[in-house]
Amino acid sequence: MQEQSEQSLAPGRSARVELTVTEADTALAAGSGDVPVLGTPRVVALAEAATVAATAGALPPGRTTVGTRVELDHLAPTPVGRSVVARARLTDVDGRRLGFEVTVTDAGEIVARGRVERTLVDRRRFVERASGAPAGAATA
């Protein structure tokens, strides 16, 4: 069996994920507002899901990525029933740090855009560390 190297995490990798907005995805449901439109926390989660999808199949065995930074401008509301598409493109790799450009669109119109950073970690060690860490301790 040939082991994948971190070299397969070259800039240019990309992915998209799609979501049809439900009541559970709204700002009202998330507690981040009082309006029944796609909530910003759900937009962030969708953008992160796209970054995870962009690295799927390219990570060395036993490795995963964890989110460490999100910069996102949520520019337009999306009502329940509409579909949004999040796209992520790996733009830079600096050691274990991976940088992504992300966009979320509704019928081709930009709903959100920004950057997400993830860090490559050893899955087992990360989970062990997180399990033994005091509340509020840094995990990445």
N, C-alpha and C. Protein backbone atom coordinates (compact mmCIF):
# COMPACT_ATOMS: atom_id res chain seq x y z
N MET A 1 0.84 -1.17 0.00
CA MET A 1 0.00 0.00 0.00
C MET A 1 0.89 1.24 0.00
N GLN A 2 0.62 2.18 -0.89
CA GLN A 2 1.41 3.39 -0.99
C GLN A 2 0.81 4.45 -0.09
N GLU A 3 1.65 5.12 0.70
CA GLU A 3 1.19 6.14 1.61
C GLU A 3 1.11 7.48 0.88
N GLN A 4 0.00 8.20 1.11
CA GLN A 4 -0.14 9.52 0.51
C GLN A 4 0.74 10.50 1.27
N SER A 5 1.30 11.44 0.57
CA SER A 5 2.12 12.45 1.22
C SER A 5 1.34 13.75 1.34
N GLU A 6 1.87 14.64 2.16
CA GLU A 6 1.23 15.95 2.30
C GLU A 6 1.35 16.75 1.01
N GLN A 7 2.20 16.29 0.09
CA GLN A 7 2.33 16.97 -1.20
C GLN A 7 1.03 16.95 -1.99
N SER A 8 0.16 15.96 -1.72
CA SER A 8 -1.11 15.90 -2.45
C SER A 8 -2.04 17.02 -2.03
N LEU A 9 -1.65 17.77 -1.01
CA LEU A 9 -2.42 18.93 -0.56
C LEU A 9 -1.89 20.19 -1.24
N ALA A 10 -1.79 20.16 -2.54
CA ALA A 10 -1.28 21.30 -3.29
C ALA A 10 -2.38 22.32 -3.55
N PRO A 11 -2.03 23.60 -3.62
CA PRO A 11 -3.02 24.61 -3.96
C PRO A 11 -3.76 24.25 -5.25
N GLY A 12 -5.03 24.63 -5.28
CA GLY A 12 -5.86 24.35 -6.44
C GLY A 12 -6.94 23.33 -6.15
N ARG A 13 -6.76 22.50 -5.12
CA ARG A 13 -7.81 21.55 -4.76
C ARG A 13 -9.06 22.33 -4.42
N SER A 14 -10.22 21.80 -4.82
CA SER A 14 -11.46 22.52 -4.53
C SER A 14 -12.62 21.55 -4.36
N ALA A 15 -13.69 22.06 -3.80
CA ALA A 15 -14.90 21.26 -3.61
C ALA A 15 -16.08 22.21 -3.44
N ARG A 16 -17.26 21.61 -3.58
CA ARG A 16 -18.49 22.37 -3.35
C ARG A 16 -19.44 21.51 -2.54
N VAL A 17 -20.22 22.17 -1.70
CA VAL A 17 -21.29 21.50 -0.97
C VAL A 17 -22.54 22.35 -1.12
N GLU A 18 -23.68 21.69 -1.10
CA GLU A 18 -24.95 22.39 -1.33
C GLU A 18 -25.87 22.15 -0.15
N LEU A 19 -26.70 23.14 0.14
CA LEU A 19 -27.66 23.07 1.23
C LEU A 19 -28.95 23.74 0.81
N THR A 20 -30.07 23.07 1.04
CA THR A 20 -31.37 23.71 0.90
C THR A 20 -31.75 24.19 2.29
N VAL A 21 -31.96 25.47 2.43
CA VAL A 21 -32.19 26.09 3.73
C VAL A 21 -33.53 25.63 4.33
N THR A 22 -33.45 25.15 5.57
CA THR A 22 -34.65 24.76 6.32
C THR A 22 -34.78 25.68 7.54
N GLU A 23 -35.86 25.52 8.25
CA GLU A 23 -36.08 26.30 9.48
C GLU A 23 -34.92 26.10 10.46
N ALA A 24 -34.37 24.90 10.51
CA ALA A 24 -33.26 24.59 11.43
C ALA A 24 -31.99 25.35 11.09
N ASP A 25 -31.87 25.89 9.87
CA ASP A 25 -30.67 26.61 9.42
C ASP A 25 -30.77 28.11 9.64
N THR A 26 -31.88 28.59 10.16
CA THR A 26 -32.10 30.03 10.26
C THR A 26 -31.39 30.67 11.45
N ALA A 27 -31.23 31.97 11.36
CA ALA A 27 -30.67 32.75 12.46
C ALA A 27 -31.55 32.59 13.70
N LEU A 28 -32.85 32.55 13.49
CA LEU A 28 -33.79 32.38 14.59
C LEU A 28 -33.52 31.06 15.32
N ALA A 29 -33.35 29.97 14.59
CA ALA A 29 -33.10 28.66 15.20
C ALA A 29 -31.73 28.59 15.87
N ALA A 30 -30.74 29.26 15.29
CA ALA A 30 -29.38 29.21 15.84
C ALA A 30 -29.19 30.16 17.01
N GLY A 31 -30.14 31.06 17.22
CA GLY A 31 -30.00 32.04 18.29
C GLY A 31 -29.06 33.18 17.93
N SER A 32 -28.78 33.32 16.64
CA SER A 32 -27.86 34.38 16.22
C SER A 32 -28.61 35.58 15.65
N GLY A 33 -29.92 35.57 15.77
CA GLY A 33 -30.74 36.66 15.27
C GLY A 33 -32.20 36.29 15.44
N ASP A 34 -33.07 37.19 15.00
CA ASP A 34 -34.50 36.91 15.18
C ASP A 34 -35.26 36.92 13.86
N VAL A 35 -34.54 36.57 12.78
CA VAL A 35 -35.17 36.54 11.47
C VAL A 35 -35.07 35.13 10.87
N PRO A 36 -36.07 34.73 10.10
CA PRO A 36 -36.09 33.38 9.54
C PRO A 36 -35.36 33.26 8.21
N VAL A 37 -34.07 33.60 8.21
CA VAL A 37 -33.22 33.45 7.02
C VAL A 37 -31.98 32.68 7.42
N LEU A 38 -31.23 32.20 6.44
CA LEU A 38 -30.01 31.44 6.70
C LEU A 38 -29.12 32.21 7.69
N GLY A 39 -28.82 31.55 8.80
CA GLY A 39 -28.02 32.19 9.84
C GLY A 39 -26.53 32.14 9.55
N THR A 40 -25.84 33.15 10.03
CA THR A 40 -24.40 33.22 9.82
C THR A 40 -23.67 32.01 10.38
N PRO A 41 -24.03 31.49 11.56
CA PRO A 41 -23.33 30.28 12.03
C PRO A 41 -23.46 29.11 11.05
N ARG A 42 -24.59 29.00 10.41
CA ARG A 42 -24.79 27.92 9.44
C ARG A 42 -23.98 28.18 8.17
N VAL A 43 -23.83 29.44 7.78
CA VAL A 43 -23.00 29.80 6.63
C VAL A 43 -21.55 29.43 6.90
N VAL A 44 -21.07 29.73 8.11
CA VAL A 44 -19.70 29.37 8.49
C VAL A 44 -19.52 27.86 8.44
N ALA A 45 -20.48 27.12 9.01
CA ALA A 45 -20.38 25.65 9.01
C ALA A 45 -20.37 25.11 7.58
N LEU A 46 -21.16 25.69 6.71
CA LEU A 46 -21.20 25.25 5.32
C LEU A 46 -19.87 25.53 4.62
N ALA A 47 -19.30 26.70 4.86
CA ALA A 47 -18.00 27.03 4.27
C ALA A 47 -16.93 26.06 4.76
N GLU A 48 -16.96 25.75 6.06
CA GLU A 48 -15.99 24.79 6.59
C GLU A 48 -16.20 23.41 6.00
N ALA A 49 -17.44 23.00 5.80
CA ALA A 49 -17.71 21.70 5.18
C ALA A 49 -17.10 21.63 3.78
N ALA A 50 -17.14 22.73 3.06
CA ALA A 50 -16.54 22.75 1.72
C ALA A 50 -15.02 22.60 1.80
N THR A 51 -14.39 23.20 2.83
CA THR A 51 -12.94 23.05 2.97
C THR A 51 -12.57 21.61 3.32
N VAL A 52 -13.38 20.97 4.16
CA VAL A 52 -13.14 19.56 4.51
C VAL A 52 -13.27 18.70 3.25
N ALA A 53 -14.29 18.97 2.46
CA ALA A 53 -14.49 18.21 1.22
C ALA A 53 -13.32 18.41 0.25
N ALA A 54 -12.74 19.61 0.25
CA ALA A 54 -11.62 19.90 -0.67
C ALA A 54 -10.37 19.10 -0.33
N THR A 55 -10.24 18.66 0.91
CA THR A 55 -9.07 17.87 1.28
C THR A 55 -9.37 16.38 1.34
N ALA A 56 -10.62 16.01 1.16
CA ALA A 56 -11.01 14.59 1.24
C ALA A 56 -10.20 13.76 0.24
N GLY A 57 -9.67 12.67 0.71
CA GLY A 57 -8.91 11.78 -0.15
C GLY A 57 -7.47 12.19 -0.36
N ALA A 58 -7.08 13.34 0.16
CA ALA A 58 -5.72 13.81 -0.05
C ALA A 58 -4.88 13.79 1.23
N LEU A 59 -5.51 13.46 2.34
CA LEU A 59 -4.79 13.48 3.61
C LEU A 59 -4.03 12.19 3.83
N PRO A 60 -2.83 12.29 4.40
CA PRO A 60 -2.09 11.08 4.73
C PRO A 60 -2.87 10.26 5.77
N PRO A 61 -2.66 8.96 5.81
CA PRO A 61 -3.34 8.12 6.80
C PRO A 61 -3.11 8.63 8.22
N GLY A 62 -4.17 8.63 9.02
CA GLY A 62 -4.08 9.06 10.41
C GLY A 62 -4.10 10.56 10.61
N ARG A 63 -4.21 11.30 9.53
CA ARG A 63 -4.19 12.77 9.62
C ARG A 63 -5.59 13.31 9.33
N THR A 64 -5.87 14.49 9.86
CA THR A 64 -7.10 15.22 9.58
C THR A 64 -6.78 16.69 9.65
N THR A 65 -7.76 17.53 9.37
CA THR A 65 -7.56 18.96 9.51
C THR A 65 -8.58 19.48 10.52
N VAL A 66 -8.18 20.54 11.21
CA VAL A 66 -9.08 21.21 12.14
C VAL A 66 -9.12 22.70 11.79
N GLY A 67 -10.30 23.28 11.94
CA GLY A 67 -10.46 24.69 11.66
C GLY A 67 -9.77 25.54 12.71
N THR A 68 -9.06 26.57 12.27
CA THR A 68 -8.35 27.45 13.20
C THR A 68 -8.68 28.92 13.03
N ARG A 69 -9.22 29.29 11.87
CA ARG A 69 -9.53 30.72 11.64
C ARG A 69 -10.57 30.82 10.53
N VAL A 70 -11.53 31.71 10.73
CA VAL A 70 -12.54 31.98 9.72
C VAL A 70 -12.71 33.49 9.61
N GLU A 71 -12.62 34.00 8.40
CA GLU A 71 -12.93 35.40 8.09
C GLU A 71 -14.00 35.35 7.02
N LEU A 72 -15.21 35.77 7.37
CA LEU A 72 -16.32 35.61 6.44
C LEU A 72 -17.21 36.84 6.45
N ASP A 73 -17.52 37.36 5.28
CA ASP A 73 -18.49 38.43 5.14
C ASP A 73 -19.79 37.81 4.67
N HIS A 74 -20.83 37.93 5.50
CA HIS A 74 -22.16 37.43 5.14
C HIS A 74 -22.90 38.62 4.54
N LEU A 75 -23.09 38.58 3.23
CA LEU A 75 -23.49 39.76 2.47
C LEU A 75 -24.98 39.86 2.13
N ALA A 76 -25.68 38.75 2.10
CA ALA A 76 -27.08 38.79 1.66
C ALA A 76 -27.89 37.70 2.35
N PRO A 77 -29.18 37.96 2.59
CA PRO A 77 -30.03 36.96 3.23
C PRO A 77 -30.49 35.89 2.24
N THR A 78 -30.71 34.70 2.79
CA THR A 78 -31.25 33.60 1.99
C THR A 78 -32.44 33.03 2.75
N PRO A 79 -33.64 33.06 2.15
CA PRO A 79 -34.82 32.56 2.84
C PRO A 79 -34.90 31.03 2.85
N VAL A 80 -35.73 30.53 3.73
CA VAL A 80 -36.02 29.09 3.82
C VAL A 80 -36.53 28.62 2.46
N GLY A 81 -36.06 27.44 2.06
CA GLY A 81 -36.48 26.85 0.79
C GLY A 81 -35.51 27.07 -0.35
N ARG A 82 -34.65 28.07 -0.25
CA ARG A 82 -33.65 28.32 -1.30
C ARG A 82 -32.45 27.43 -1.08
N SER A 83 -31.73 27.17 -2.16
CA SER A 83 -30.50 26.37 -2.07
C SER A 83 -29.29 27.28 -2.20
N VAL A 84 -28.28 26.99 -1.38
CA VAL A 84 -27.01 27.71 -1.46
C VAL A 84 -25.90 26.71 -1.74
N VAL A 85 -24.87 27.19 -2.40
CA VAL A 85 -23.71 26.36 -2.72
C VAL A 85 -22.47 27.02 -2.13
N ALA A 86 -21.74 26.26 -1.33
CA ALA A 86 -20.46 26.73 -0.80
C ALA A 86 -19.34 26.10 -1.61
N ARG A 87 -18.40 26.93 -2.00
CA ARG A 87 -17.23 26.45 -2.74
C ARG A 87 -15.98 26.86 -1.97
N ALA A 88 -15.04 25.93 -1.90
CA ALA A 88 -13.76 26.20 -1.24
C ALA A 88 -12.64 25.82 -2.19
N ARG A 89 -11.61 26.67 -2.23
CA ARG A 89 -10.43 26.38 -3.06
C ARG A 89 -9.20 26.57 -2.19
N LEU A 90 -8.38 25.53 -2.14
CA LEU A 90 -7.13 25.60 -1.39
C LEU A 90 -6.20 26.57 -2.12
N THR A 91 -5.81 27.64 -1.44
CA THR A 91 -4.99 28.66 -2.08
C THR A 91 -3.54 28.64 -1.62
N ASP A 92 -3.30 28.21 -0.38
CA ASP A 92 -1.93 28.18 0.07
C ASP A 92 -1.72 27.10 1.13
N VAL A 93 -0.51 26.54 1.08
CA VAL A 93 -0.09 25.51 2.02
C VAL A 93 1.22 26.00 2.61
N ASP A 94 1.23 26.18 3.94
CA ASP A 94 2.41 26.66 4.63
C ASP A 94 2.68 25.70 5.79
N GLY A 95 3.49 24.68 5.54
CA GLY A 95 3.69 23.65 6.55
C GLY A 95 2.39 22.91 6.79
N ARG A 96 1.92 22.95 8.04
CA ARG A 96 0.66 22.28 8.38
C ARG A 96 -0.55 23.18 8.16
N ARG A 97 -0.34 24.46 7.89
CA ARG A 97 -1.44 25.40 7.73
C ARG A 97 -1.94 25.41 6.30
N LEU A 98 -3.28 25.28 6.15
CA LEU A 98 -3.92 25.29 4.84
C LEU A 98 -4.84 26.50 4.77
N GLY A 99 -4.72 27.29 3.71
CA GLY A 99 -5.57 28.45 3.53
C GLY A 99 -6.52 28.25 2.36
N PHE A 100 -7.79 28.60 2.56
CA PHE A 100 -8.83 28.42 1.56
C PHE A 100 -9.56 29.72 1.29
N GLU A 101 -9.91 29.95 0.02
CA GLU A 101 -10.87 30.99 -0.33
C GLU A 101 -12.21 30.30 -0.40
N VAL A 102 -13.24 30.93 0.18
CA VAL A 102 -14.57 30.33 0.18
C VAL A 102 -15.60 31.34 -0.32
N THR A 103 -16.59 30.81 -1.02
CA THR A 103 -17.74 31.62 -1.42
C THR A 103 -19.00 30.78 -1.19
N VAL A 104 -20.08 31.47 -0.88
CA VAL A 104 -21.39 30.84 -0.77
C VAL A 104 -22.30 31.63 -1.69
N THR A 105 -23.00 30.92 -2.57
CA THR A 105 -23.86 31.60 -3.54
C THR A 105 -25.28 31.05 -3.48
N ASP A 106 -26.21 31.89 -3.89
CA ASP A 106 -27.63 31.55 -4.01
C ASP A 106 -28.02 31.95 -5.43
N ALA A 107 -28.30 30.95 -6.26
CA ALA A 107 -28.64 31.18 -7.67
C ALA A 107 -27.57 32.05 -8.35
N GLY A 108 -26.31 31.77 -8.04
CA GLY A 108 -25.20 32.48 -8.67
C GLY A 108 -24.84 33.80 -8.03
N GLU A 109 -25.66 34.31 -7.13
CA GLU A 109 -25.37 35.57 -6.44
C GLU A 109 -24.59 35.26 -5.16
N ILE A 110 -23.58 36.07 -4.88
CA ILE A 110 -22.75 35.84 -3.70
C ILE A 110 -23.52 36.20 -2.42
N VAL A 111 -23.62 35.21 -1.54
CA VAL A 111 -24.25 35.37 -0.24
C VAL A 111 -23.17 35.65 0.82
N ALA A 112 -22.02 35.00 0.67
CA ALA A 112 -20.92 35.16 1.62
C ALA A 112 -19.61 34.85 0.91
N ARG A 113 -18.55 35.45 1.43
CA ARG A 113 -17.21 35.16 0.89
C ARG A 113 -16.19 35.43 1.98
N GLY A 114 -15.05 34.74 1.86
CA GLY A 114 -14.01 34.96 2.85
C GLY A 114 -12.90 33.94 2.75
N ARG A 115 -12.25 33.73 3.91
CA ARG A 115 -11.12 32.80 4.00
C ARG A 115 -11.31 31.90 5.21
N VAL A 116 -10.86 30.67 5.06
CA VAL A 116 -10.85 29.71 6.16
C VAL A 116 -9.44 29.12 6.23
N GLU A 117 -8.93 29.00 7.45
CA GLU A 117 -7.66 28.33 7.65
C GLU A 117 -7.90 27.07 8.45
N ARG A 118 -7.21 26.02 8.06
CA ARG A 118 -7.27 24.74 8.76
C ARG A 118 -5.83 24.31 9.01
N THR A 119 -5.64 23.48 10.02
CA THR A 119 -4.32 22.96 10.35
C THR A 119 -4.34 21.44 10.27
N LEU A 120 -3.32 20.89 9.65
CA LEU A 120 -3.17 19.45 9.52
C LEU A 120 -2.65 18.90 10.84
N VAL A 121 -3.36 17.89 11.39
CA VAL A 121 -2.98 17.31 12.68
C VAL A 121 -3.05 15.79 12.62
N ASP A 122 -2.38 15.15 13.58
CA ASP A 122 -2.52 13.72 13.78
C ASP A 122 -3.84 13.50 14.51
N ARG A 123 -4.77 12.78 13.89
CA ARG A 123 -6.12 12.61 14.43
C ARG A 123 -6.10 12.03 15.86
N ARG A 124 -5.38 10.93 16.06
CA ARG A 124 -5.37 10.26 17.37
C ARG A 124 -4.81 11.17 18.45
N ARG A 125 -3.68 11.79 18.19
CA ARG A 125 -3.07 12.69 19.18
C ARG A 125 -3.97 13.88 19.47
N PHE A 126 -4.61 14.41 18.45
CA PHE A 126 -5.50 15.55 18.64
C PHE A 126 -6.67 15.19 19.54
N VAL A 127 -7.31 14.05 19.27
CA VAL A 127 -8.46 13.62 20.07
C VAL A 127 -8.03 13.33 21.50
N GLU A 128 -6.89 12.66 21.69
CA GLU A 128 -6.39 12.40 23.03
C GLU A 128 -6.13 13.70 23.77
N ARG A 129 -5.51 14.64 23.11
CA ARG A 129 -5.22 15.93 23.73
C ARG A 129 -6.50 16.67 24.09
N ALA A 130 -7.46 16.64 23.19
CA ALA A 130 -8.73 17.32 23.44
C ALA A 130 -9.48 16.68 24.60
N SER A 131 -9.40 15.37 24.71
CA SER A 131 -10.11 14.65 25.78
C SER A 131 -9.54 14.96 27.15
N GLY A 132 -8.25 15.24 27.20
CA GLY A 132 -7.59 15.50 28.49
C GLY A 132 -7.38 16.97 28.79
N ALA A 133 -7.76 17.83 27.86
CA ALA A 133 -7.50 19.25 28.03
C ALA A 133 -8.53 19.89 28.95
N PRO A 134 -8.10 20.83 29.81
CA PRO A 134 -9.06 21.57 30.63
C PRO A 134 -9.94 22.44 29.73
N ALA A 135 -11.15 22.73 30.20
CA ALA A 135 -12.08 23.56 29.42
C ALA A 135 -11.41 24.88 29.07
N GLY A 136 -11.58 25.30 27.82
CA GLY A 136 -11.03 26.58 27.36
C GLY A 136 -9.60 26.52 26.90
N ALA A 137 -8.96 25.36 27.00
CA ALA A 137 -7.56 25.24 26.56
C ALA A 137 -7.50 25.23 25.04
N ALA A 138 -6.44 25.78 24.48
CA ALA A 138 -6.25 25.77 23.02
C ALA A 138 -6.09 24.33 22.56
N THR A 139 -6.63 24.02 21.35
CA THR A 139 -6.60 22.64 20.87
C THR A 139 -5.85 22.45 19.57
N ALA A 140 -5.43 23.48 18.91
CA ALA A 140 -4.79 23.28 17.60
C ALA A 140 -3.30 23.36 17.69
